[in-house]
Amino acid sequence: MADERQRIVRVAGSRRAKLTRVEGTTSEPHERAERSAPAEGERGPNDERMLREVPPHY
């Protein structure tokens, strides 16, 4: 089981370390599923307000 784990590799001159590759994985990012708004009849009482609000750090 110890062989299946990723190892941390220090990179000289870099602030970040790298992880070794694990067999059976790829470095490709996952595709995000597109989110769509629900149909008009499926909305709840607070949906309009929640969709308008923006977190304070934006």
PDB file of N, CA and C in Angstrom:
ATOM      1  N   MET A   1       0.827  -1.195   0.000  1.00  0.00           N
ATOM      2  CA  MET A   1       0.000   0.000   0.000  1.00  0.00           C
ATOM      3  C   MET A   1       0.869   1.255   0.000  1.00  0.00           C
ATOM      4  N   ALA A   2       2.037   1.221   0.597  1.00  0.00           N
ATOM      5  CA  ALA A   2       2.894   2.391   0.651  1.00  0.00           C
ATOM      6  C   ALA A   2       3.353   2.804  -0.745  1.00  0.00           C
ATOM      7  N   ASP A   3       3.445   1.867  -1.687  1.00  0.00           N
ATOM      8  CA  ASP A   3       3.882   2.186  -3.040  1.00  0.00           C
ATOM      9  C   ASP A   3       2.818   2.919  -3.833  1.00  0.00           C
ATOM     10  N   GLU A   4       1.558   2.827  -3.431  1.00  0.00           N
ATOM     11  CA  GLU A   4       0.460   3.447  -4.160  1.00  0.00           C
ATOM     12  C   GLU A   4       0.301   4.924  -3.828  1.00  0.00           C
ATOM     13  N   ARG A   5       0.957   5.378  -2.783  1.00  0.00           N
ATOM     14  CA  ARG A   5       0.790   6.763  -2.355  1.00  0.00           C
ATOM     15  C   ARG A   5       1.686   7.699  -3.139  1.00  0.00           C
ATOM     16  N   GLN A   6       1.278   8.944  -3.215  1.00  0.00           N
ATOM     17  CA  GLN A   6       2.100   9.959  -3.858  1.00  0.00           C
ATOM     18  C   GLN A   6       3.217  10.371  -2.915  1.00  0.00           C
ATOM     19  N   ARG A   7       4.319  10.769  -3.480  1.00  0.00           N
ATOM     20  CA  ARG A   7       5.449  11.271  -2.699  1.00  0.00           C
ATOM     21  C   ARG A   7       5.557  12.777  -2.913  1.00  0.00           C
ATOM     22  N   ILE A   8       6.050  13.468  -1.905  1.00  0.00           N
ATOM     23  CA  ILE A   8       6.278  14.904  -2.004  1.00  0.00           C
ATOM     24  C   ILE A   8       7.722  15.105  -2.427  1.00  0.00           C
ATOM     25  N   VAL A   9       7.931  15.888  -3.490  1.00  0.00           N
ATOM     26  CA  VAL A   9       9.266  16.150  -4.014  1.00  0.00           C
ATOM     27  C   VAL A   9       9.539  17.637  -3.906  1.00  0.00           C
ATOM     28  N   ARG A  10      10.615  17.989  -3.222  1.00  0.00           N
ATOM     29  CA  ARG A  10      10.985  19.400  -3.110  1.00  0.00           C
ATOM     30  C   ARG A  10      11.607  19.866  -4.410  1.00  0.00           C
ATOM     31  N   VAL A  11      11.281  21.096  -4.800  1.00  0.00           N
ATOM     32  CA  VAL A  11      11.820  21.683  -6.018  1.00  0.00           C
ATOM     33  C   VAL A  11      12.724  22.840  -5.606  1.00  0.00           C
ATOM     34  N   ALA A  12      13.985  22.767  -5.992  1.00  0.00           N
ATOM     35  CA  ALA A  12      14.948  23.807  -5.626  1.00  0.00           C
ATOM     36  C   ALA A  12      14.526  25.151  -6.216  1.00  0.00           C
ATOM     37  N   GLY A  13      14.558  26.195  -5.410  1.00  0.00           N
ATOM     38  CA  GLY A  13      14.217  27.536  -5.871  1.00  0.00           C
ATOM     39  C   GLY A  13      12.732  27.794  -5.998  1.00  0.00           C
ATOM     40  N   SER A  14      11.897  26.869  -5.558  1.00  0.00           N
ATOM     41  CA  SER A  14      10.452  27.031  -5.662  1.00  0.00           C
ATOM     42  C   SER A  14       9.836  27.000  -4.280  1.00  0.00           C
ATOM     43  N   ARG A  15       8.761  27.747  -4.104  1.00  0.00           N
ATOM     44  CA  ARG A  15       8.067  27.745  -2.812  1.00  0.00           C
ATOM     45  C   ARG A  15       7.147  26.556  -2.672  1.00  0.00           C
ATOM     46  N   ARG A  16       6.806  25.921  -3.784  1.00  0.00           N
ATOM     47  CA  ARG A  16       5.868  24.807  -3.746  1.00  0.00           C
ATOM     48  C   ARG A  16       6.539  23.498  -4.091  1.00  0.00           C
ATOM     49  N   ALA A  17       6.084  22.451  -3.480  1.00  0.00           N
ATOM     50  CA  ALA A  17       6.593  21.112  -3.768  1.00  0.00           C
ATOM     51  C   ALA A  17       5.720  20.485  -4.848  1.00  0.00           C
ATOM     52  N   LYS A  18       6.205  19.407  -5.421  1.00  0.00           N
ATOM     53  CA  LYS A  18       5.430  18.674  -6.418  1.00  0.00           C
ATOM     54  C   LYS A  18       5.089  17.301  -5.872  1.00  0.00           C
ATOM     55  N   LEU A  19       4.027  16.731  -6.373  1.00  0.00           N
ATOM     56  CA  LEU A  19       3.649  15.365  -6.018  1.00  0.00           C
ATOM     57  C   LEU A  19       3.997  14.442  -7.167  1.00  0.00           C
ATOM     58  N   THR A  20       4.436  13.237  -6.832  1.00  0.00           N
ATOM     59  CA  THR A  20       4.744  12.269  -7.878  1.00  0.00           C
ATOM     60  C   THR A  20       3.452  11.764  -8.497  1.00  0.00           C
ATOM     61  N   ARG A  21       3.566  11.237  -9.704  1.00  0.00           N
ATOM     62  CA  ARG A  21       2.414  10.730 -10.435  1.00  0.00           C
ATOM     63  C   ARG A  21       1.974   9.395  -9.850  1.00  0.00           C
ATOM     64  N   VAL A  22       0.677   9.162  -9.852  1.00  0.00           N
ATOM     65  CA  VAL A  22       0.118   7.892  -9.408  1.00  0.00           C
ATOM     66  C   VAL A  22      -0.365   7.148 -10.643  1.00  0.00           C
ATOM     67  N   GLU A  23      -0.053   5.880 -10.719  1.00  0.00           N
ATOM     68  CA  GLU A  23      -0.440   5.071 -11.869  1.00  0.00           C
ATOM     69  C   GLU A  23      -1.954   5.063 -12.035  1.00  0.00           C
ATOM     70  N   GLY A  24      -2.407   5.255 -13.261  1.00  0.00           N
ATOM     71  CA  GLY A  24      -3.840   5.247 -13.542  1.00  0.00           C
ATOM     72  C   GLY A  24      -4.489   6.618 -13.455  1.00  0.00           C
ATOM     73  N   THR A  25      -3.706   7.671 -13.229  1.00  0.00           N
ATOM     74  CA  THR A  25      -4.263   9.014 -13.166  1.00  0.00           C
ATOM     75  C   THR A  25      -3.720   9.860 -14.312  1.00  0.00           C
ATOM     76  N   THR A  26      -4.377  10.989 -14.563  1.00  0.00           N
ATOM     77  CA  THR A  26      -3.915  11.920 -15.584  1.00  0.00           C
ATOM     78  C   THR A  26      -3.788  13.299 -14.964  1.00  0.00           C
ATOM     79  N   SER A  27      -3.084  14.178 -15.624  1.00  0.00           N
ATOM     80  CA  SER A  27      -2.933  15.542 -15.123  1.00  0.00           C
ATOM     81  C   SER A  27      -3.974  16.471 -15.727  1.00  0.00           C
ATOM     82  N   GLU A  28      -4.898  15.911 -16.485  1.00  0.00           N
ATOM     83  CA  GLU A  28      -5.950  16.711 -17.112  1.00  0.00           C
ATOM     84  C   GLU A  28      -6.934  17.194 -16.045  1.00  0.00           C
ATOM     85  N   PRO A  29      -7.348  18.467 -16.105  1.00  0.00           N
ATOM     86  CA  PRO A  29      -8.347  18.933 -15.139  1.00  0.00           C
ATOM     87  C   PRO A  29      -9.715  18.314 -15.442  1.00  0.00           C
ATOM     88  N   HIS A  30     -10.522  18.197 -14.412  1.00  0.00           N
ATOM     89  CA  HIS A  30     -11.871  17.665 -14.580  1.00  0.00           C
ATOM     90  C   HIS A  30     -12.744  18.705 -15.267  1.00  0.00           C
ATOM     91  N   GLU A  31     -13.625  18.251 -16.107  1.00  0.00           N
ATOM     92  CA  GLU A  31     -14.572  19.153 -16.763  1.00  0.00           C
ATOM     93  C   GLU A  31     -15.702  19.450 -15.789  1.00  0.00           C
ATOM     94  N   ARG A  32     -16.027  20.700 -15.666  1.00  0.00           N
ATOM     95  CA  ARG A  32     -17.145  21.087 -14.807  1.00  0.00           C
ATOM     96  C   ARG A  32     -18.446  20.953 -15.570  1.00  0.00           C
ATOM     97  N   ALA A  33     -19.439  20.456 -14.905  1.00  0.00           N
ATOM     98  CA  ALA A  33     -20.766  20.376 -15.510  1.00  0.00           C
ATOM     99  C   ALA A  33     -21.379  21.774 -15.495  1.00  0.00           C
ATOM    100  N   GLU A  34     -21.986  22.153 -16.583  1.00  0.00           N
ATOM    101  CA  GLU A  34     -22.627  23.464 -16.665  1.00  0.00           C
ATOM    102  C   GLU A  34     -23.851  23.489 -15.758  1.00  0.00           C
ATOM    103  N   ARG A  35     -23.964  24.553 -14.998  1.00  0.00           N
ATOM    104  CA  ARG A  35     -25.136  24.697 -14.141  1.00  0.00           C
ATOM    105  C   ARG A  35     -26.170  25.530 -14.876  1.00  0.00           C
ATOM    106  N   SER A  36     -27.400  25.131 -14.740  1.00  0.00           N
ATOM    107  CA  SER A  36     -28.467  25.912 -15.354  1.00  0.00           C
ATOM    108  C   SER A  36     -29.501  26.255 -14.284  1.00  0.00           C
ATOM    109  N   ALA A  37     -30.163  27.340 -14.510  1.00  0.00           N
ATOM    110  CA  ALA A  37     -31.196  27.759 -13.571  1.00  0.00           C
ATOM    111  C   ALA A  37     -32.395  26.821 -13.708  1.00  0.00           C
ATOM    112  N   PRO A  38     -33.069  26.541 -12.610  1.00  0.00           N
ATOM    113  CA  PRO A  38     -34.253  25.689 -12.694  1.00  0.00           C
ATOM    114  C   PRO A  38     -35.370  26.371 -13.474  1.00  0.00           C
ATOM    115  N   ALA A  39     -36.305  25.588 -13.914  1.00  0.00           N
ATOM    116  CA  ALA A  39     -37.453  26.138 -14.639  1.00  0.00           C
ATOM    117  C   ALA A  39     -38.230  27.068 -13.717  1.00  0.00           C
ATOM    118  N   GLU A  40     -38.993  27.975 -14.281  1.00  0.00           N
ATOM    119  CA  GLU A  40     -39.732  28.969 -13.489  1.00  0.00           C
ATOM    120  C   GLU A  40     -40.599  28.337 -12.408  1.00  0.00           C
ATOM    121  N   GLY A  41     -41.219  27.237 -12.691  1.00  0.00           N
ATOM    122  CA  GLY A  41     -42.109  26.605 -11.721  1.00  0.00           C
ATOM    123  C   GLY A  41     -41.379  25.916 -10.586  1.00  0.00           C
ATOM    124  N   GLU A  42     -40.074  25.682 -10.725  1.00  0.00           N
ATOM    125  CA  GLU A  42     -39.310  24.946  -9.717  1.00  0.00           C
ATOM    126  C   GLU A  42     -38.590  25.858  -8.732  1.00  0.00           C
ATOM    127  N   ARG A  43     -38.749  27.146  -8.832  1.00  0.00           N
ATOM    128  CA  ARG A  43     -38.043  28.070  -7.953  1.00  0.00           C
ATOM    129  C   ARG A  43     -38.720  28.185  -6.602  1.00  0.00           C
ATOM    130  N   GLY A  44     -37.889  28.378  -5.577  1.00  0.00           N
ATOM    131  CA  GLY A  44     -38.394  28.552  -4.229  1.00  0.00           C
ATOM    132  C   GLY A  44     -38.565  30.015  -3.893  1.00  0.00           C
ATOM    133  N   PRO A  45     -39.030  30.319  -2.695  1.00  0.00           N
ATOM    134  CA  PRO A  45     -39.312  31.705  -2.319  1.00  0.00           C
ATOM    135  C   PRO A  45     -38.057  32.580  -2.190  1.00  0.00           C
ATOM    136  N   ASN A  46     -36.879  31.995  -1.904  1.00  0.00           N
ATOM    137  CA  ASN A  46     -35.676  32.789  -1.698  1.00  0.00           C
ATOM    138  C   ASN A  46     -34.709  32.751  -2.883  1.00  0.00           C
ATOM    139  N   ASP A  47     -35.057  32.081  -3.945  1.00  0.00           N
ATOM    140  CA  ASP A  47     -34.126  31.902  -5.061  1.00  0.00           C
ATOM    141  C   ASP A  47     -33.719  33.211  -5.716  1.00  0.00           C
ATOM    142  N   GLU A  48     -34.637  34.121  -5.936  1.00  0.00           N
ATOM    143  CA  GLU A  48     -34.311  35.389  -6.590  1.00  0.00           C
ATOM    144  C   GLU A  48     -33.285  36.178  -5.768  1.00  0.00           C
ATOM    145  N   ARG A  49     -33.504  36.257  -4.473  1.00  0.00           N
ATOM    146  CA  ARG A  49     -32.584  36.999  -3.610  1.00  0.00           C
ATOM    147  C   ARG A  49     -31.216  36.324  -3.575  1.00  0.00           C
ATOM    148  N   MET A  50     -31.174  35.010  -3.504  1.00  0.00           N
ATOM    149  CA  MET A  50     -29.905  34.286  -3.440  1.00  0.00           C
ATOM    150  C   MET A  50     -29.120  34.425  -4.745  1.00  0.00           C
ATOM    151  N   LEU A  51     -29.798  34.485  -5.877  1.00  0.00           N
ATOM    152  CA  LEU A  51     -29.114  34.644  -7.155  1.00  0.00           C
ATOM    153  C   LEU A  51     -28.560  36.064  -7.326  1.00  0.00           C
ATOM    154  N   ARG A  52     -29.181  37.056  -6.694  1.00  0.00           N
ATOM    155  CA  ARG A  52     -28.713  38.438  -6.791  1.00  0.00           C
ATOM    156  C   ARG A  52     -27.542  38.717  -5.864  1.00  0.00           C
ATOM    157  N   GLU A  53     -27.462  38.019  -4.724  1.00  0.00           N
ATOM    158  CA  GLU A  53     -26.436  38.306  -3.728  1.00  0.00           C
ATOM    159  C   GLU A  53     -25.052  37.915  -4.235  1.00  0.00           C
ATOM    160  N   VAL A  54     -24.078  38.729  -3.854  1.00  0.00           N
ATOM    161  CA  VAL A  54     -22.674  38.463  -4.193  1.00  0.00           C
ATOM    162  C   VAL A  54     -21.897  38.423  -2.891  1.00  0.00           C
ATOM    163  N   PRO A  55     -21.016  37.439  -2.704  1.00  0.00           N
ATOM    164  CA  PRO A  55     -20.237  37.404  -1.462  1.00  0.00           C
ATOM    165  C   PRO A  55     -19.414  38.684  -1.289  1.00  0.00           C
ATOM    166  N   PRO A  56     -19.126  39.083  -0.069  1.00  0.00           N
ATOM    167  CA  PRO A  56     -18.448  40.356   0.170  1.00  0.00           C
ATOM    168  C   PRO A  56     -17.027  40.430  -0.401  1.00  0.00           C
ATOM    169  N   HIS A  57     -16.382  39.321  -0.642  1.00  0.00           N
ATOM    170  CA  HIS A  57     -15.015  39.373  -1.164  1.00  0.00           C
ATOM    171  C   HIS A  57     -14.952  39.537  -2.670  1.00  0.00           C
ATOM    172  N   TYR A  58     -16.101  39.659  -3.355  1.00  0.00           N
ATOM    173  CA  TYR A  58     -16.099  39.874  -4.806  1.00  0.00           C
ATOM    174  C   TYR A  58     -16.005  41.318  -5.066  1.00  0.00           C
TER     175      TYR A  58
END
